[in-house]
Amino acid sequence: MDLRISARNLNVSERFKEYAAEKSAKVEQYAHRPQELNVKITRYEHHSTGVEDQVELTVYEPGHVVRAEARAADKFAAFDIAFGKLVERLRRYSDKHKIHRGGNHKNLGASELAAADFAQLDIKPLDVRVSVEEEEAPAAPASPIAIRAKEFPATPMTKEQAVDHMELVGHDFYLFQDSESGKNAVVYRRKGYSYGVISLS
């Protein structure tokens, strides 16, 4: 597995690179044929609270990605928090994959998943390619508004599959193409383990 580290607004020490490399060995225990672990560190300087580091971890596997991120007062603490989330998502995905490999399962709807506290979450891999051009761009002047742009291929899937993928990347929403209607839509997390869908007409 390749380890790729990039940073914005700070320099990455050899100590941090060695620390990340040592930790990354644990990814291979849970991931299914991981190809790359991408570590992105961004330093923010706030007028009121001082320096804060954000660490984004992304594991690229054949057919899907697993992502986690965290912020803390320094990059080591942020890395540890994000890494804990990442390992937990990889472990859960690995466990579900083993459980469902036997074929004694059915595809459940979002309401059924929520009722069972997502114990039967059946995650199906999606071929996702993330544009990393933004990582090579120079840092823009400080601004209160930051807009990040990412582009993904439109892959038709059901609302239930979109919920599964949203859980895998740990987001509160997921953009997808509804295979039933053919429309672009967003599934999003609501309170109380329920979900909503917004589509364009």
C-alpha atoms as a PDB file:
ATOM      1  CA  MET A   1       0.000   0.000   0.000  1.00  0.00           C
ATOM      2  CA  ASP A   2       1.310   3.423  -0.923  1.00  0.00           C
ATOM      3  CA  LEU A   3       1.373   6.190   1.687  1.00  0.00           C
ATOM      4  CA  ARG A   4       0.928   9.696   0.307  1.00  0.00           C
ATOM      5  CA  ILE A   5       1.257  12.726   2.593  1.00  0.00           C
ATOM      6  CA  SER A   6       0.491  16.290   1.531  1.00  0.00           C
ATOM      7  CA  ALA A   7       0.310  19.472   3.577  1.00  0.00           C
ATOM      8  CA  ARG A   8      -1.023  22.983   3.269  1.00  0.00           C
ATOM      9  CA  ASN A   9       0.193  25.958   5.328  1.00  0.00           C
ATOM     10  CA  LEU A  10       2.773  23.869   7.241  1.00  0.00           C
ATOM     11  CA  ASN A  11       5.806  21.644   6.784  1.00  0.00           C
ATOM     12  CA  VAL A  12       5.639  17.923   7.539  1.00  0.00           C
ATOM     13  CA  SER A  13       8.489  16.656   9.699  1.00  0.00           C
ATOM     14  CA  GLU A  14      10.236  13.306   9.247  1.00  0.00           C
ATOM     15  CA  ARG A  15       8.932  12.376  12.695  1.00  0.00           C
ATOM     16  CA  PHE A  16       5.337  12.779  11.524  1.00  0.00           C
ATOM     17  CA  LYS A  17       6.025  10.815   8.313  1.00  0.00           C
ATOM     18  CA  GLU A  18       7.469   7.943  10.344  1.00  0.00           C
ATOM     19  CA  TYR A  19       4.528   8.097  12.754  1.00  0.00           C
ATOM     20  CA  ALA A  20       2.000   7.943   9.890  1.00  0.00           C
ATOM     21  CA  ALA A  21       3.894   5.093   8.208  1.00  0.00           C
ATOM     22  CA  GLU A  22       3.945   3.084  11.433  1.00  0.00           C
ATOM     23  CA  LYS A  23       0.208   3.594  11.983  1.00  0.00           C
ATOM     24  CA  SER A  24      -0.670   2.832   8.361  1.00  0.00           C
ATOM     25  CA  ALA A  25       0.309  -0.824   8.832  1.00  0.00           C
ATOM     26  CA  LYS A  26      -2.905  -1.221  10.830  1.00  0.00           C
ATOM     27  CA  VAL A  27      -4.953  -0.192   7.782  1.00  0.00           C
ATOM     28  CA  GLU A  28      -3.818  -3.317   5.958  1.00  0.00           C
ATOM     29  CA  GLN A  29      -5.218  -5.486   8.765  1.00  0.00           C
ATOM     30  CA  TYR A  30      -8.782  -4.337   8.035  1.00  0.00           C
ATOM     31  CA  ALA A  31      -8.793  -3.046   4.460  1.00  0.00           C
ATOM     32  CA  HIS A  32      -9.446  -5.307   1.471  1.00  0.00           C
ATOM     33  CA  ARG A  33      -6.490  -4.897  -0.907  1.00  0.00           C
ATOM     34  CA  PRO A  34      -5.774  -1.226  -0.042  1.00  0.00           C
ATOM     35  CA  GLN A  35      -3.933   0.595  -2.801  1.00  0.00           C
ATOM     36  CA  GLU A  36      -3.192   3.934  -1.141  1.00  0.00           C
ATOM     37  CA  LEU A  37      -3.549   5.804   2.135  1.00  0.00           C
ATOM     38  CA  ASN A  38      -3.740   9.518   1.465  1.00  0.00           C
ATOM     39  CA  VAL A  39      -2.944  11.821   4.398  1.00  0.00           C
ATOM     40  CA  LYS A  40      -3.765  15.495   3.922  1.00  0.00           C
ATOM     41  CA  ILE A  41      -2.868  18.005   6.649  1.00  0.00           C
ATOM     42  CA  THR A  42      -4.135  21.580   6.647  1.00  0.00           C
ATOM     43  CA  ARG A  43      -3.204  24.206   9.217  1.00  0.00           C
ATOM     44  CA  TYR A  44      -5.714  26.918  10.116  1.00  0.00           C
ATOM     45  CA  GLU A  45      -4.866  30.014  12.142  1.00  0.00           C
ATOM     46  CA  HIS A  46      -7.868  31.483  13.940  1.00  0.00           C
ATOM     47  CA  HIS A  47      -7.713  34.930  15.517  1.00  0.00           C
ATOM     48  CA  SER A  48      -9.588  33.826  18.637  1.00  0.00           C
ATOM     49  CA  THR A  49      -8.514  30.196  19.193  1.00  0.00           C
ATOM     50  CA  GLY A  50      -5.038  30.088  17.637  1.00  0.00           C
ATOM     51  CA  VAL A  51      -3.605  27.273  15.503  1.00  0.00           C
ATOM     52  CA  GLU A  52      -5.679  24.229  14.561  1.00  0.00           C
ATOM     53  CA  ASP A  53      -4.615  21.313  12.362  1.00  0.00           C
ATOM     54  CA  GLN A  54      -7.002  19.250  10.241  1.00  0.00           C
ATOM     55  CA  VAL A  55      -6.062  15.759   9.086  1.00  0.00           C
ATOM     56  CA  GLU A  56      -8.004  14.014   6.310  1.00  0.00           C
ATOM     57  CA  LEU A  57      -7.351  10.306   5.768  1.00  0.00           C
ATOM     58  CA  THR A  58      -8.535   8.500   2.645  1.00  0.00           C
ATOM     59  CA  VAL A  59      -8.025   4.820   1.863  1.00  0.00           C
ATOM     60  CA  TYR A  60      -8.408   3.862  -1.796  1.00  0.00           C
ATOM     61  CA  GLU A  61      -9.461   0.257  -2.371  1.00  0.00           C
ATOM     62  CA  PRO A  62     -10.615  -1.420  -5.600  1.00  0.00           C
ATOM     63  CA  GLY A  63     -14.136  -0.118  -6.149  1.00  0.00           C
ATOM     64  CA  HIS A  64     -14.517   2.323  -3.262  1.00  0.00           C
ATOM     65  CA  VAL A  65     -12.939   4.773  -0.837  1.00  0.00           C
ATOM     66  CA  VAL A  66     -13.101   5.055   2.948  1.00  0.00           C
ATOM     67  CA  ARG A  67     -12.572   8.474   4.505  1.00  0.00           C
ATOM     68  CA  ALA A  68     -12.245  10.108   7.930  1.00  0.00           C
ATOM     69  CA  GLU A  69     -11.115  13.513   9.177  1.00  0.00           C
ATOM     70  CA  ALA A  70     -10.575  15.389  12.424  1.00  0.00           C
ATOM     71  CA  ARG A  71      -9.277  18.681  13.817  1.00  0.00           C
ATOM     72  CA  ALA A  72      -7.139  19.250  16.894  1.00  0.00           C
ATOM     73  CA  ALA A  73      -4.549  21.613  18.358  1.00  0.00           C
ATOM     74  CA  ASP A  74      -1.711  19.743  16.602  1.00  0.00           C
ATOM     75  CA  LYS A  75      -1.350  17.361  13.673  1.00  0.00           C
ATOM     76  CA  PHE A  76      -0.483  14.311  15.786  1.00  0.00           C
ATOM     77  CA  ALA A  77      -3.654  14.598  17.871  1.00  0.00           C
ATOM     78  CA  ALA A  78      -5.763  15.241  14.769  1.00  0.00           C
ATOM     79  CA  PHE A  79      -4.182  12.240  13.047  1.00  0.00           C
ATOM     80  CA  ASP A  80      -4.958   9.956  16.001  1.00  0.00           C
ATOM     81  CA  ILE A  81      -8.617  11.015  16.136  1.00  0.00           C
ATOM     82  CA  ALA A  82      -9.093  10.670  12.369  1.00  0.00           C
ATOM     83  CA  PHE A  83      -7.206   7.362  12.326  1.00  0.00           C
ATOM     84  CA  GLY A  84      -9.461   5.962  15.045  1.00  0.00           C
ATOM     85  CA  LYS A  85     -12.532   6.822  12.937  1.00  0.00           C
ATOM     86  CA  LEU A  86     -10.935   5.363   9.809  1.00  0.00           C
ATOM     87  CA  VAL A  87     -10.010   2.056  11.446  1.00  0.00           C
ATOM     88  CA  GLU A  88     -13.513   1.733  12.908  1.00  0.00           C
ATOM     89  CA  ARG A  89     -15.114   2.251   9.459  1.00  0.00           C
ATOM     90  CA  LEU A  90     -12.713  -0.234   7.870  1.00  0.00           C
ATOM     91  CA  ARG A  91     -13.392  -2.766  10.641  1.00  0.00           C
ATOM     92  CA  ARG A  92     -17.157  -2.410  10.295  1.00  0.00           C
ATOM     93  CA  TYR A  93     -16.957  -2.738   6.519  1.00  0.00           C
ATOM     94  CA  SER A  94     -14.727  -5.805   6.836  1.00  0.00           C
ATOM     95  CA  ASP A  95     -17.117  -7.413   9.341  1.00  0.00           C
ATOM     96  CA  LYS A  96     -20.153  -6.754   7.137  1.00  0.00           C
ATOM     97  CA  HIS A  97     -18.306  -8.151   4.126  1.00  0.00           C
ATOM     98  CA  LYS A  98     -17.550 -11.391   5.989  1.00  0.00           C
ATOM     99  CA  ILE A  99     -21.129 -11.691   7.297  1.00  0.00           C
ATOM    100  CA  HIS A 100     -22.771 -11.205   3.900  1.00  0.00           C
ATOM    101  CA  ARG A 101     -20.335 -13.257   1.849  1.00  0.00           C
ATOM    102  CA  GLY A 102     -22.338 -16.422   2.579  1.00  0.00           C
ATOM    103  CA  GLY A 103     -25.338 -15.070   0.690  1.00  0.00           C
ATOM    104  CA  ASN A 104     -27.844 -15.531   3.542  1.00  0.00           C
ATOM    105  CA  HIS A 105     -29.005 -11.947   3.513  1.00  0.00           C
ATOM    106  CA  LYS A 106     -31.298  -9.549   1.708  1.00  0.00           C
ATOM    107  CA  ASN A 107     -31.020  -5.900   0.739  1.00  0.00           C
ATOM    108  CA  LEU A 108     -32.700  -3.787   3.408  1.00  0.00           C
ATOM    109  CA  GLY A 109     -34.349  -0.404   3.055  1.00  0.00           C
ATOM    110  CA  ALA A 110     -33.175   2.665   4.971  1.00  0.00           C
ATOM    111  CA  SER A 111     -36.012   2.351   7.499  1.00  0.00           C
ATOM    112  CA  GLU A 112     -35.174  -1.305   8.168  1.00  0.00           C
ATOM    113  CA  LEU A 113     -31.491  -0.444   8.589  1.00  0.00           C
ATOM    114  CA  ALA A 114     -32.356   2.305  11.056  1.00  0.00           C
ATOM    115  CA  ALA A 115     -34.678   0.030  13.037  1.00  0.00           C
ATOM    116  CA  ALA A 116     -31.861  -2.473  13.465  1.00  0.00           C
ATOM    117  CA  ASP A 117     -29.356   0.255  14.387  1.00  0.00           C
ATOM    118  CA  PHE A 118     -27.539  -0.503  11.093  1.00  0.00           C
ATOM    119  CA  ALA A 119     -26.453  -3.928  12.328  1.00  0.00           C
ATOM    120  CA  GLN A 120     -27.289  -5.440   8.912  1.00  0.00           C
ATOM    121  CA  LEU A 121     -25.715  -2.715   6.783  1.00  0.00           C
ATOM    122  CA  ASP A 122     -24.925  -4.278   3.389  1.00  0.00           C
ATOM    123  CA  ILE A 123     -22.358  -2.071   1.672  1.00  0.00           C
ATOM    124  CA  LYS A 124     -21.801  -2.469  -2.052  1.00  0.00           C
ATOM    125  CA  PRO A 125     -18.563  -0.999  -3.511  1.00  0.00           C
ATOM    126  CA  LEU A 126     -18.807   1.943  -5.891  1.00  0.00           C
ATOM    127  CA  ASP A 127     -16.135   2.950  -8.379  1.00  0.00           C
ATOM    128  CA  VAL A 128     -15.270   6.465  -7.183  1.00  0.00           C
ATOM    129  CA  ARG A 129     -12.438   8.549  -8.547  1.00  0.00           C
ATOM    130  CA  VAL A 130     -11.582  11.694  -6.641  1.00  0.00           C
ATOM    131  CA  SER A 131      -9.925  14.589  -8.404  1.00  0.00           C
ATOM    132  CA  VAL A 132      -6.789  15.559  -6.483  1.00  0.00           C
ATOM    133  CA  GLU A 133      -5.906  18.623  -8.547  1.00  0.00           C
ATOM    134  CA  GLU A 134      -6.873  20.880  -5.665  1.00  0.00           C
ATOM    135  CA  GLU A 135      -4.041  19.444  -3.544  1.00  0.00           C
ATOM    136  CA  GLU A 136      -1.437  20.724  -5.962  1.00  0.00           C
ATOM    137  CA  ALA A 137      -2.877  24.248  -6.111  1.00  0.00           C
ATOM    138  CA  PRO A 138      -1.107  26.991  -4.127  1.00  0.00           C
ATOM    139  CA  ALA A 139      -2.785  28.201  -0.965  1.00  0.00           C
ATOM    140  CA  ALA A 140      -5.231  31.036  -1.582  1.00  0.00           C
ATOM    141  CA  PRO A 141      -5.281  34.194   0.565  1.00  0.00           C
ATOM    142  CA  ALA A 142      -7.123  33.823   3.864  1.00  0.00           C
ATOM    143  CA  SER A 143     -10.878  34.132   3.428  1.00  0.00           C
ATOM    144  CA  PRO A 144     -13.854  33.404   5.672  1.00  0.00           C
ATOM    145  CA  ILE A 145     -15.408  31.389   2.818  1.00  0.00           C
ATOM    146  CA  ALA A 146     -13.735  28.229   1.486  1.00  0.00           C
ATOM    147  CA  ILE A 147     -15.253  26.344  -1.440  1.00  0.00           C
ATOM    148  CA  ARG A 148     -13.848  22.937  -2.352  1.00  0.00           C
ATOM    149  CA  ALA A 149     -14.798  21.360  -5.664  1.00  0.00           C
ATOM    150  CA  LYS A 150     -14.825  17.612  -6.353  1.00  0.00           C
ATOM    151  CA  GLU A 151     -16.169  15.716  -9.338  1.00  0.00           C
ATOM    152  CA  PHE A 152     -17.358  12.102  -9.410  1.00  0.00           C
ATOM    153  CA  PRO A 153     -18.707   9.874 -12.185  1.00  0.00           C
ATOM    154  CA  ALA A 154     -22.506   9.556 -12.213  1.00  0.00           C
ATOM    155  CA  THR A 155     -23.212   5.946 -11.221  1.00  0.00           C
ATOM    156  CA  PRO A 156     -26.895   4.930 -10.993  1.00  0.00           C
ATOM    157  CA  MET A 157     -27.907   3.380  -7.674  1.00  0.00           C
ATOM    158  CA  THR A 158     -30.936   3.018  -5.426  1.00  0.00           C
ATOM    159  CA  LYS A 159     -31.654   5.285  -2.462  1.00  0.00           C
ATOM    160  CA  GLU A 160     -30.754   2.425  -0.120  1.00  0.00           C
ATOM    161  CA  GLN A 161     -27.382   1.958  -1.815  1.00  0.00           C
ATOM    162  CA  ALA A 162     -26.745   5.706  -1.532  1.00  0.00           C
ATOM    163  CA  VAL A 163     -27.393   5.480   2.231  1.00  0.00           C
ATOM    164  CA  ASP A 164     -24.879   2.615   2.432  1.00  0.00           C
ATOM    165  CA  HIS A 165     -22.184   4.647   0.673  1.00  0.00           C
ATOM    166  CA  MET A 166     -22.910   7.701   2.812  1.00  0.00           C
ATOM    167  CA  GLU A 167     -22.286   5.594   5.931  1.00  0.00           C
ATOM    168  CA  LEU A 168     -19.018   4.283   4.472  1.00  0.00           C
ATOM    169  CA  VAL A 169     -17.471   7.703   3.927  1.00  0.00           C
ATOM    170  CA  GLY A 170     -18.908   9.103   7.174  1.00  0.00           C
ATOM    171  CA  HIS A 171     -20.741  12.054   5.620  1.00  0.00           C
ATOM    172  CA  ASP A 172     -24.141  13.541   6.419  1.00  0.00           C
ATOM    173  CA  PHE A 173     -25.153  13.560   2.740  1.00  0.00           C
ATOM    174  CA  TYR A 174     -24.408  11.688  -0.477  1.00  0.00           C
ATOM    175  CA  LEU A 175     -24.905  12.836  -4.082  1.00  0.00           C
ATOM    176  CA  PHE A 176     -25.998  10.108  -6.502  1.00  0.00           C
ATOM    177  CA  GLN A 177     -27.993   9.317  -9.643  1.00  0.00           C
ATOM    178  CA  ASP A 178     -31.292   7.628  -8.725  1.00  0.00           C
ATOM    179  CA  SER A 179     -31.531   4.419 -10.759  1.00  0.00           C
ATOM    180  CA  GLU A 180     -35.333   4.417 -10.421  1.00  0.00           C
ATOM    181  CA  SER A 181     -36.018   7.967 -11.634  1.00  0.00           C
ATOM    182  CA  GLY A 182     -32.792   8.733 -13.513  1.00  0.00           C
ATOM    183  CA  LYS A 183     -32.567  12.056 -11.646  1.00  0.00           C
ATOM    184  CA  ASN A 184     -29.635  13.491  -9.744  1.00  0.00           C
ATOM    185  CA  ALA A 185     -30.426  13.360  -6.040  1.00  0.00           C
ATOM    186  CA  VAL A 186     -28.967  13.763  -2.561  1.00  0.00           C
ATOM    187  CA  VAL A 187     -29.676  11.460   0.352  1.00  0.00           C
ATOM    188  CA  TYR A 188     -29.049  13.084   3.726  1.00  0.00           C
ATOM    189  CA  ARG A 189     -29.051  12.183   7.397  1.00  0.00           C
ATOM    190  CA  ARG A 190     -31.875  13.429   9.604  1.00  0.00           C
ATOM    191  CA  LYS A 191     -32.337  13.191  13.360  1.00  0.00           C
ATOM    192  CA  GLY A 192     -33.325   9.907  14.955  1.00  0.00           C
ATOM    193  CA  TYR A 193     -31.706   7.513  12.450  1.00  0.00           C
ATOM    194  CA  SER A 194     -33.885   8.620   9.556  1.00  0.00           C
ATOM    195  CA  TYR A 195     -32.970   9.869   6.102  1.00  0.00           C
ATOM    196  CA  GLY A 196     -34.266  12.258   3.498  1.00  0.00           C
ATOM    197  CA  VAL A 197     -33.853  12.544  -0.276  1.00  0.00           C
ATOM    198  CA  ILE A 198     -33.741  15.702  -2.382  1.00  0.00           C
ATOM    199  CA  SER A 199     -33.870  15.371  -6.178  1.00  0.00           C
ATOM    200  CA  LEU A 200     -33.800  17.744  -9.137  1.00  0.00           C
ATOM    201  CA  SER A 201     -36.800  17.781 -11.476  1.00  0.00           C
END
